[in-house]
Amino acid sequence: MALASVNHEVYTLIGRRVKDGVPMKNTVIVTLADASIVGYIYDDASADHQTFEVLGSPLKPGCAETGITNAIVDLENEI
């Protein structure tokens, strides 16, 4: 089992993409791992949605989903 933490709350599709790419199939993504940082990380497909989560996010579209996925997959591949 592997635990991967993200300081913000990630959209479900990011979690699915991570789970599809990791070598350890019992990977659990722990969100809101740092209580001092709270916010949403939307997936690339949701970047143009006019929702609170997207409009209130300081993140640039097209960066977070790939960055999170690659970081977790790369880390597990090193184990």
PDB file of N, CA and C in Angstrom:
ATOM      1  N   MET A   1       0.847  -1.174   0.000  1.00  0.00           N
ATOM      2  CA  MET A   1       0.000   0.000   0.000  1.00  0.00           C
ATOM      3  C   MET A   1       0.889   1.232   0.000  1.00  0.00           C
ATOM      4  N   ALA A   2       0.449   2.239  -0.739  1.00  0.00           N
ATOM      5  CA  ALA A   2       1.173   3.510  -0.774  1.00  0.00           C
ATOM      6  C   ALA A   2       0.199   4.637  -0.446  1.00  0.00           C
ATOM      7  N   LEU A   3       0.676   5.614   0.328  1.00  0.00           N
ATOM      8  CA  LEU A   3      -0.100   6.811   0.626  1.00  0.00           C
ATOM      9  C   LEU A   3       0.569   7.982  -0.081  1.00  0.00           C
ATOM     10  N   ALA A   4      -0.214   8.715  -0.860  1.00  0.00           N
ATOM     11  CA  ALA A   4       0.288   9.912  -1.542  1.00  0.00           C
ATOM     12  C   ALA A   4      -0.512  11.091  -1.024  1.00  0.00           C
ATOM     13  N   SER A   5       0.176  12.149  -0.619  1.00  0.00           N
ATOM     14  CA  SER A   5      -0.549  13.293  -0.064  1.00  0.00           C
ATOM     15  C   SER A   5      -0.462  14.503  -0.983  1.00  0.00           C
ATOM     16  N   VAL A   6      -1.539  15.262  -0.969  1.00  0.00           N
ATOM     17  CA  VAL A   6      -1.639  16.504  -1.732  1.00  0.00           C
ATOM     18  C   VAL A   6      -2.225  17.540  -0.774  1.00  0.00           C
ATOM     19  N   ASN A   7      -1.643  18.724  -0.748  1.00  0.00           N
ATOM     20  CA  ASN A   7      -2.086  19.736   0.211  1.00  0.00           C
ATOM     21  C   ASN A   7      -3.459  20.322  -0.097  1.00  0.00           C
ATOM     22  N   HIS A   8      -3.928  20.167  -1.287  1.00  0.00           N
ATOM     23  CA  HIS A   8      -5.241  20.688  -1.667  1.00  0.00           C
ATOM     24  C   HIS A   8      -6.190  19.534  -1.938  1.00  0.00           C
ATOM     25  N   GLU A   9      -7.416  19.864  -2.236  1.00  0.00           N
ATOM     26  CA  GLU A   9      -8.397  18.840  -2.589  1.00  0.00           C
ATOM     27  C   GLU A   9      -8.411  18.686  -4.103  1.00  0.00           C
ATOM     28  N   VAL A  10      -8.069  17.495  -4.580  1.00  0.00           N
ATOM     29  CA  VAL A  10      -8.001  17.277  -6.024  1.00  0.00           C
ATOM     30  C   VAL A  10      -9.328  16.750  -6.556  1.00  0.00           C
ATOM     31  N   TYR A  11      -9.615  17.134  -7.796  1.00  0.00           N
ATOM     32  CA  TYR A  11     -10.809  16.616  -8.468  1.00  0.00           C
ATOM     33  C   TYR A  11     -10.661  15.107  -8.673  1.00  0.00           C
ATOM     34  N   THR A  12     -11.763  14.426  -8.747  1.00  0.00           N
ATOM     35  CA  THR A  12     -11.799  12.971  -8.874  1.00  0.00           C
ATOM     36  C   THR A  12     -11.029  12.471 -10.081  1.00  0.00           C
ATOM     37  N   LEU A  13     -11.128  13.159 -11.214  1.00  0.00           N
ATOM     38  CA  LEU A  13     -10.447  12.684 -12.417  1.00  0.00           C
ATOM     39  C   LEU A  13      -8.929  12.691 -12.268  1.00  0.00           C
ATOM     40  N   ILE A  14      -8.394  13.581 -11.454  1.00  0.00           N
ATOM     41  CA  ILE A  14      -6.957  13.563 -11.186  1.00  0.00           C
ATOM     42  C   ILE A  14      -6.616  12.306 -10.386  1.00  0.00           C
ATOM     43  N   GLY A  15      -7.412  12.007  -9.394  1.00  0.00           N
ATOM     44  CA  GLY A  15      -7.198  10.797  -8.605  1.00  0.00           C
ATOM     45  C   GLY A  15      -7.277   9.542  -9.456  1.00  0.00           C
ATOM     46  N   ARG A  16      -8.222   9.502 -10.374  1.00  0.00           N
ATOM     47  CA  ARG A  16      -8.332   8.342 -11.271  1.00  0.00           C
ATOM     48  C   ARG A  16      -7.108   8.227 -12.174  1.00  0.00           C
ATOM     49  N   ARG A  17      -6.648   9.358 -12.677  1.00  0.00           N
ATOM     50  CA  ARG A  17      -5.470   9.341 -13.549  1.00  0.00           C
ATOM     51  C   ARG A  17      -4.246   8.850 -12.781  1.00  0.00           C
ATOM     52  N   VAL A  18      -4.107   9.277 -11.545  1.00  0.00           N
ATOM     53  CA  VAL A  18      -2.999   8.799 -10.719  1.00  0.00           C
ATOM     54  C   VAL A  18      -3.118   7.296 -10.520  1.00  0.00           C
ATOM     55  N   LYS A  19      -4.285   6.823 -10.125  1.00  0.00           N
ATOM     56  CA  LYS A  19      -4.473   5.398  -9.855  1.00  0.00           C
ATOM     57  C   LYS A  19      -4.247   4.544 -11.096  1.00  0.00           C
ATOM     58  N   ASP A  20      -4.567   5.080 -12.276  1.00  0.00           N
ATOM     59  CA  ASP A  20      -4.334   4.347 -13.522  1.00  0.00           C
ATOM     60  C   ASP A  20      -2.851   4.263 -13.872  1.00  0.00           C
ATOM     61  N   GLY A  21      -2.046   5.213 -13.378  1.00  0.00           N
ATOM     62  CA  GLY A  21      -0.650   5.266 -13.761  1.00  0.00           C
ATOM     63  C   GLY A  21       0.348   4.690 -12.777  1.00  0.00           C
ATOM     64  N   VAL A  22      -0.071   4.514 -11.542  1.00  0.00           N
ATOM     65  CA  VAL A  22       0.885   4.060 -10.522  1.00  0.00           C
ATOM     66  C   VAL A  22       1.115   2.560 -10.583  1.00  0.00           C
ATOM     67  N   PRO A  23       2.332   2.130 -10.230  1.00  0.00           N
ATOM     68  CA  PRO A  23       2.597   0.694 -10.210  1.00  0.00           C
ATOM     69  C   PRO A  23       1.968  -0.014  -9.005  1.00  0.00           C
ATOM     70  N   MET A  24       1.791   0.710  -7.899  1.00  0.00           N
ATOM     71  CA  MET A  24       1.176   0.117  -6.708  1.00  0.00           C
ATOM     72  C   MET A  24      -0.327   0.355  -6.760  1.00  0.00           C
ATOM     73  N   LYS A  25      -1.068  -0.668  -7.029  1.00  0.00           N
ATOM     74  CA  LYS A  25      -2.510  -0.518  -7.239  1.00  0.00           C
ATOM     75  C   LYS A  25      -3.279  -0.223  -5.958  1.00  0.00           C
ATOM     76  N   ASN A  26      -2.634  -0.364  -4.805  1.00  0.00           N
ATOM     77  CA  ASN A  26      -3.275  -0.016  -3.535  1.00  0.00           C
ATOM     78  C   ASN A  26      -2.815   1.360  -3.064  1.00  0.00           C
ATOM     79  N   THR A  27      -2.790   2.312  -3.981  1.00  0.00           N
ATOM     80  CA  THR A  27      -2.385   3.671  -3.653  1.00  0.00           C
ATOM     81  C   THR A  27      -3.599   4.460  -3.173  1.00  0.00           C
ATOM     82  N   VAL A  28      -3.435   5.152  -2.063  1.00  0.00           N
ATOM     83  CA  VAL A  28      -4.477   5.998  -1.507  1.00  0.00           C
ATOM     84  C   VAL A  28      -3.991   7.438  -1.583  1.00  0.00           C
ATOM     85  N   ILE A  29      -4.823   8.314  -2.119  1.00  0.00           N
ATOM     86  CA  ILE A  29      -4.470   9.723  -2.198  1.00  0.00           C
ATOM     87  C   ILE A  29      -5.112  10.444  -1.024  1.00  0.00           C
ATOM     88  N   VAL A  30      -4.278  11.030  -0.188  1.00  0.00           N
ATOM     89  CA  VAL A  30      -4.745  11.766   0.980  1.00  0.00           C
ATOM     90  C   VAL A  30      -4.734  13.245   0.611  1.00  0.00           C
ATOM     91  N   THR A  31      -5.908  13.860   0.592  1.00  0.00           N
ATOM     92  CA  THR A  31      -5.982  15.279   0.235  1.00  0.00           C
ATOM     93  C   THR A  31      -6.135  16.123   1.494  1.00  0.00           C
ATOM     94  N   LEU A  32      -5.940  17.416   1.335  1.00  0.00           N
ATOM     95  CA  LEU A  32      -5.974  18.346   2.460  1.00  0.00           C
ATOM     96  C   LEU A  32      -5.014  17.890   3.551  1.00  0.00           C
ATOM     97  N   ALA A  33      -3.824  17.459   3.124  1.00  0.00           N
ATOM     98  CA  ALA A  33      -2.839  16.906   4.048  1.00  0.00           C
ATOM     99  C   ALA A  33      -2.190  17.980   4.921  1.00  0.00           C
ATOM    100  N   ASP A  34      -2.299  19.232   4.534  1.00  0.00           N
ATOM    101  CA  ASP A  34      -1.738  20.334   5.305  1.00  0.00           C
ATOM    102  C   ASP A  34      -2.887  21.301   5.588  1.00  0.00           C
ATOM    103  N   ALA A  35      -3.350  21.315   6.805  1.00  0.00           N
ATOM    104  CA  ALA A  35      -4.552  22.081   7.143  1.00  0.00           C
ATOM    105  C   ALA A  35      -4.398  23.586   6.932  1.00  0.00           C
ATOM    106  N   SER A  36      -3.179  24.063   6.803  1.00  0.00           N
ATOM    107  CA  SER A  36      -3.004  25.505   6.614  1.00  0.00           C
ATOM    108  C   SER A  36      -3.224  25.936   5.163  1.00  0.00           C
ATOM    109  N   ILE A  37      -3.260  24.983   4.266  1.00  0.00           N
ATOM    110  CA  ILE A  37      -3.465  25.290   2.846  1.00  0.00           C
ATOM    111  C   ILE A  37      -4.739  24.578   2.404  1.00  0.00           C
ATOM    112  N   VAL A  38      -5.735  25.345   2.013  1.00  0.00           N
ATOM    113  CA  VAL A  38      -6.999  24.743   1.600  1.00  0.00           C
ATOM    114  C   VAL A  38      -7.401  25.317   0.252  1.00  0.00           C
ATOM    115  N   GLY A  39      -7.783  24.453  -0.646  1.00  0.00           N
ATOM    116  CA  GLY A  39      -8.235  24.885  -1.960  1.00  0.00           C
ATOM    117  C   GLY A  39      -8.478  23.676  -2.846  1.00  0.00           C
ATOM    118  N   TYR A  40      -8.908  23.931  -4.055  1.00  0.00           N
ATOM    119  CA  TYR A  40      -9.238  22.876  -4.999  1.00  0.00           C
ATOM    120  C   TYR A  40      -8.236  22.843  -6.140  1.00  0.00           C
ATOM    121  N   ILE A  41      -7.944  21.640  -6.622  1.00  0.00           N
ATOM    122  CA  ILE A  41      -7.146  21.469  -7.826  1.00  0.00           C
ATOM    123  C   ILE A  41      -8.042  20.770  -8.832  1.00  0.00           C
ATOM    124  N   TYR A  42      -8.430  21.510  -9.847  1.00  0.00           N
ATOM    125  CA  TYR A  42      -9.332  20.965 -10.855  1.00  0.00           C
ATOM    126  C   TYR A  42      -8.542  20.262 -11.948  1.00  0.00           C
ATOM    127  N   ASP A  43      -9.212  19.317 -12.607  1.00  0.00           N
ATOM    128  CA  ASP A  43      -8.575  18.608 -13.709  1.00  0.00           C
ATOM    129  C   ASP A  43      -8.602  19.482 -14.969  1.00  0.00           C
ATOM    130  N   ASP A  44      -7.781  19.126 -15.942  1.00  0.00           N
ATOM    131  CA  ASP A  44      -7.654  19.929 -17.154  1.00  0.00           C
ATOM    132  C   ASP A  44      -8.981  20.098 -17.893  1.00  0.00           C
ATOM    133  N   ALA A  45      -9.796  19.061 -17.908  1.00  0.00           N
ATOM    134  CA  ALA A  45     -11.075  19.126 -18.617  1.00  0.00           C
ATOM    135  C   ALA A  45     -12.056  20.106 -17.977  1.00  0.00           C
ATOM    136  N   SER A  46     -11.855  20.422 -16.713  1.00  0.00           N
ATOM    137  CA  SER A  46     -12.770  21.320 -15.997  1.00  0.00           C
ATOM    138  C   SER A  46     -12.307  22.770 -15.990  1.00  0.00           C
ATOM    139  N   ALA A  47     -11.198  23.070 -16.636  1.00  0.00           N
ATOM    140  CA  ALA A  47     -10.609  24.412 -16.570  1.00  0.00           C
ATOM    141  C   ALA A  47     -11.541  25.523 -17.040  1.00  0.00           C
ATOM    142  N   ASP A  48     -12.439  25.227 -17.965  1.00  0.00           N
ATOM    143  CA  ASP A  48     -13.331  26.267 -18.479  1.00  0.00           C
ATOM    144  C   ASP A  48     -14.695  26.301 -17.777  1.00  0.00           C
ATOM    145  N   HIS A  49     -14.853  25.498 -16.735  1.00  0.00           N
ATOM    146  CA  HIS A  49     -16.123  25.490 -16.001  1.00  0.00           C
ATOM    147  C   HIS A  49     -16.232  26.751 -15.137  1.00  0.00           C
ATOM    148  N   GLN A  50     -17.384  27.295 -15.092  1.00  0.00           N
ATOM    149  CA  GLN A  50     -17.634  28.498 -14.294  1.00  0.00           C
ATOM    150  C   GLN A  50     -18.151  28.090 -12.912  1.00  0.00           C
ATOM    151  N   THR A  51     -17.293  27.452 -12.154  1.00  0.00           N
ATOM    152  CA  THR A  51     -17.659  26.987 -10.817  1.00  0.00           C
ATOM    153  C   THR A  51     -16.778  27.670  -9.774  1.00  0.00           C
ATOM    154  N   PHE A  52     -17.238  27.626  -8.553  1.00  0.00           N
ATOM    155  CA  PHE A  52     -16.493  28.221  -7.440  1.00  0.00           C
ATOM    156  C   PHE A  52     -15.078  27.659  -7.360  1.00  0.00           C
ATOM    157  N   GLU A  53     -14.961  26.348  -7.496  1.00  0.00           N
ATOM    158  CA  GLU A  53     -13.674  25.688  -7.350  1.00  0.00           C
ATOM    159  C   GLU A  53     -12.659  26.160  -8.403  1.00  0.00           C
ATOM    160  N   VAL A  54     -13.138  26.337  -9.627  1.00  0.00           N
ATOM    161  CA  VAL A  54     -12.248  26.764 -10.714  1.00  0.00           C
ATOM    162  C   VAL A  54     -11.996  28.268 -10.655  1.00  0.00           C
ATOM    163  N   LEU A  55     -13.058  29.041 -10.503  1.00  0.00           N
ATOM    164  CA  LEU A  55     -12.911  30.497 -10.496  1.00  0.00           C
ATOM    165  C   LEU A  55     -12.086  30.993  -9.314  1.00  0.00           C
ATOM    166  N   GLY A  56     -12.138  30.294  -8.194  1.00  0.00           N
ATOM    167  CA  GLY A  56     -11.409  30.708  -7.008  1.00  0.00           C
ATOM    168  C   GLY A  56      -9.998  30.160  -6.917  1.00  0.00           C
ATOM    169  N   SER A  57      -9.589  29.385  -7.911  1.00  0.00           N
ATOM    170  CA  SER A  57      -8.276  28.766  -7.864  1.00  0.00           C
ATOM    171  C   SER A  57      -7.208  29.667  -8.483  1.00  0.00           C
ATOM    172  N   PRO A  58      -6.050  29.780  -7.842  1.00  0.00           N
ATOM    173  CA  PRO A  58      -4.957  30.556  -8.415  1.00  0.00           C
ATOM    174  C   PRO A  58      -4.131  29.758  -9.429  1.00  0.00           C
ATOM    175  N   LEU A  59      -4.482  28.492  -9.644  1.00  0.00           N
ATOM    176  CA  LEU A  59      -3.704  27.626 -10.522  1.00  0.00           C
ATOM    177  C   LEU A  59      -3.951  27.929 -11.994  1.00  0.00           C
ATOM    178  N   LYS A  60      -2.937  27.702 -12.799  1.00  0.00           N
ATOM    179  CA  LYS A  60      -3.058  27.890 -14.239  1.00  0.00           C
ATOM    180  C   LYS A  60      -3.575  26.601 -14.861  1.00  0.00           C
ATOM    181  N   PRO A  61      -4.496  26.711 -15.808  1.00  0.00           N
ATOM    182  CA  PRO A  61      -5.009  25.506 -16.474  1.00  0.00           C
ATOM    183  C   PRO A  61      -3.888  24.732 -17.171  1.00  0.00           C
ATOM    184  N   GLY A  62      -3.982  23.414 -17.116  1.00  0.00           N
ATOM    185  CA  GLY A  62      -3.054  22.568 -17.838  1.00  0.00           C
ATOM    186  C   GLY A  62      -1.773  22.216 -17.112  1.00  0.00           C
ATOM    187  N   CYS A  63      -1.615  22.622 -15.883  1.00  0.00           N
ATOM    188  CA  CYS A  63      -0.356  22.351 -15.163  1.00  0.00           C
ATOM    189  C   CYS A  63      -0.519  21.334 -14.033  1.00  0.00           C
ATOM    190  N   ALA A  64      -1.525  21.500 -13.226  1.00  0.00           N
ATOM    191  CA  ALA A  64      -1.628  20.733 -11.982  1.00  0.00           C
ATOM    192  C   ALA A  64      -1.872  19.244 -12.211  1.00  0.00           C
ATOM    193  N   GLU A  65      -2.790  18.898 -13.095  1.00  0.00           N
ATOM    194  CA  GLU A  65      -3.144  17.487 -13.277  1.00  0.00           C
ATOM    195  C   GLU A  65      -1.925  16.657 -13.688  1.00  0.00           C
ATOM    196  N   THR A  66      -1.214  17.099 -14.697  1.00  0.00           N
ATOM    197  CA  THR A  66      -0.041  16.364 -15.161  1.00  0.00           C
ATOM    198  C   THR A  66       1.064  16.378 -14.118  1.00  0.00           C
ATOM    199  N   GLY A  67       1.278  17.506 -13.456  1.00  0.00           N
ATOM    200  CA  GLY A  67       2.319  17.607 -12.444  1.00  0.00           C
ATOM    201  C   GLY A  67       2.091  16.664 -11.283  1.00  0.00           C
ATOM    202  N   ILE A  68       0.871  16.631 -10.770  1.00  0.00           N
ATOM    203  CA  ILE A  68       0.542  15.747  -9.644  1.00  0.00           C
ATOM    204  C   ILE A  68       0.677  14.290 -10.060  1.00  0.00           C
ATOM    205  N   THR A  69       0.107  13.965 -11.205  1.00  0.00           N
ATOM    206  CA  THR A  69       0.143  12.576 -11.675  1.00  0.00           C
ATOM    207  C   THR A  69       1.579  12.113 -11.879  1.00  0.00           C
ATOM    208  N   ASN A  70       2.368  12.894 -12.596  1.00  0.00           N
ATOM    209  CA  ASN A  70       3.749  12.496 -12.870  1.00  0.00           C
ATOM    210  C   ASN A  70       4.575  12.383 -11.586  1.00  0.00           C
ATOM    211  N   ALA A  71       4.375  13.296 -10.654  1.00  0.00           N
ATOM    212  CA  ALA A  71       5.147  13.262  -9.409  1.00  0.00           C
ATOM    213  C   ALA A  71       4.876  11.992  -8.614  1.00  0.00           C
ATOM    214  N   ILE A  72       3.617  11.623  -8.485  1.00  0.00           N
ATOM    215  CA  ILE A  72       3.270  10.430  -7.707  1.00  0.00           C
ATOM    216  C   ILE A  72       3.723   9.167  -8.429  1.00  0.00           C
ATOM    217  N   VAL A  73       3.495   9.103  -9.731  1.00  0.00           N
ATOM    218  CA  VAL A  73       3.911   7.914 -10.495  1.00  0.00           C
ATOM    219  C   VAL A  73       5.428   7.770 -10.452  1.00  0.00           C
ATOM    220  N   ASP A  74       6.158   8.861 -10.652  1.00  0.00           N
ATOM    221  CA  ASP A  74       7.619   8.806 -10.620  1.00  0.00           C
ATOM    222  C   ASP A  74       8.132   8.364  -9.251  1.00  0.00           C
ATOM    223  N   LEU A  75       7.524   8.885  -8.198  1.00  0.00           N
ATOM    224  CA  LEU A  75       7.946   8.511  -6.847  1.00  0.00           C
ATOM    225  C   LEU A  75       7.749   7.025  -6.610  1.00  0.00           C
ATOM    226  N   GLU A  76       6.594   6.505  -7.008  1.00  0.00           N
ATOM    227  CA  GLU A  76       6.344   5.069  -6.803  1.00  0.00           C
ATOM    228  C   GLU A  76       7.262   4.207  -7.665  1.00  0.00           C
ATOM    229  N   ASN A  77       7.629   4.675  -8.832  1.00  0.00           N
ATOM    230  CA  ASN A  77       8.531   3.917  -9.693  1.00  0.00           C
ATOM    231  C   ASN A  77       9.939   3.830  -9.113  1.00  0.00           C
ATOM    232  N   GLU A  78      10.296   4.768  -8.238  1.00  0.00           N
ATOM    233  CA  GLU A  78      11.606   4.753  -7.600  1.00  0.00           C
ATOM    234  C   GLU A  78      11.689   3.777  -6.431  1.00  0.00           C
ATOM    235  N   ILE A  79      10.542   3.373  -5.933  1.00  0.00           N
ATOM    236  CA  ILE A  79      10.507   2.478  -4.754  1.00  0.00           C
ATOM    237  C   ILE A  79      10.828   1.053  -5.158  1.00  0.00           C
TER     238      ILE A  79
END
